[in-house]
Protein backbone atom coordinates (compact mmCIF):
# COMPACT_ATOMS: atom_id res chain seq x y z
CA MET A 1 -0.08 0.16 -0.21
CA ALA A 2 2.73 2.57 0.59
CA ASN A 3 4.47 1.65 -2.07
CA ASP A 4 1.88 2.44 -4.82
CA SER A 5 0.54 5.76 -3.01
CA LYS A 6 3.79 7.03 -4.70
CA ASN A 7 2.45 6.04 -8.24
CA ALA A 8 -0.91 6.48 -7.74
CA PRO A 9 -1.75 9.85 -6.99
CA GLN A 10 -4.69 10.50 -4.53
CA ILE A 11 -6.62 12.73 -6.99
CA SER A 12 -7.71 10.39 -10.03
CA SER A 13 -8.02 13.68 -12.57
CA SER A 14 -4.52 15.06 -11.63
CA ASP A 15 -2.40 14.22 -14.53
CA SER A 16 -0.12 17.33 -13.48
CA PRO A 17 0.82 18.88 -10.00
CA MET A 18 -0.20 21.89 -12.50
CA VAL A 19 -4.09 20.74 -12.43
CA VAL A 20 -3.24 20.73 -8.70
CA LEU A 21 -2.15 24.40 -8.01
CA ILE A 22 -4.98 25.74 -11.04
CA TRP A 23 -8.34 23.57 -8.88
CA GLY A 24 -6.39 24.91 -5.89
CA ALA A 25 -6.39 28.23 -6.50
CA ALA A 26 -9.36 28.52 -8.13
CA LEU A 27 -10.87 26.73 -5.13
CA LEU A 28 -8.92 29.50 -2.62
CA GLY A 29 -10.48 32.58 -5.30
CA GLY A 30 -13.70 31.48 -4.44
CA ILE A 31 -13.92 31.09 -0.75
CA ALA A 32 -12.23 34.67 -0.73
CA ALA A 33 -14.62 35.80 -3.40
CA PHE A 34 -17.35 34.50 -1.46
CA ILE A 35 -16.08 35.55 1.95
CA ALA A 36 -15.90 39.15 0.35
CA TRP A 37 -19.00 39.50 -0.98
CA GLY A 38 -20.79 38.05 2.46
CA MET A 39 -18.75 40.42 4.13
CA THR A 40 -19.43 43.66 1.76
CA HIS A 41 -22.92 43.10 2.11
CA ALA A 42 -23.26 41.53 5.50
CA TYR A 43 -23.91 45.24 6.21
CA PRO A 44 -26.22 47.65 3.82
CA GLY A 45 -26.21 50.40 5.77
CA GLY A 46 -22.63 50.64 5.21
């Protein structure tokens, strides 16, 4: 099991580390945008 983990990545859809970086950046960007949107619309008076 331990030796197979090096050849088989955890994420089956990731062919290269670049795909993981893109997905990570998109995920963090989406979360950051959602938090920013929530903070700006949390106080309508401001």
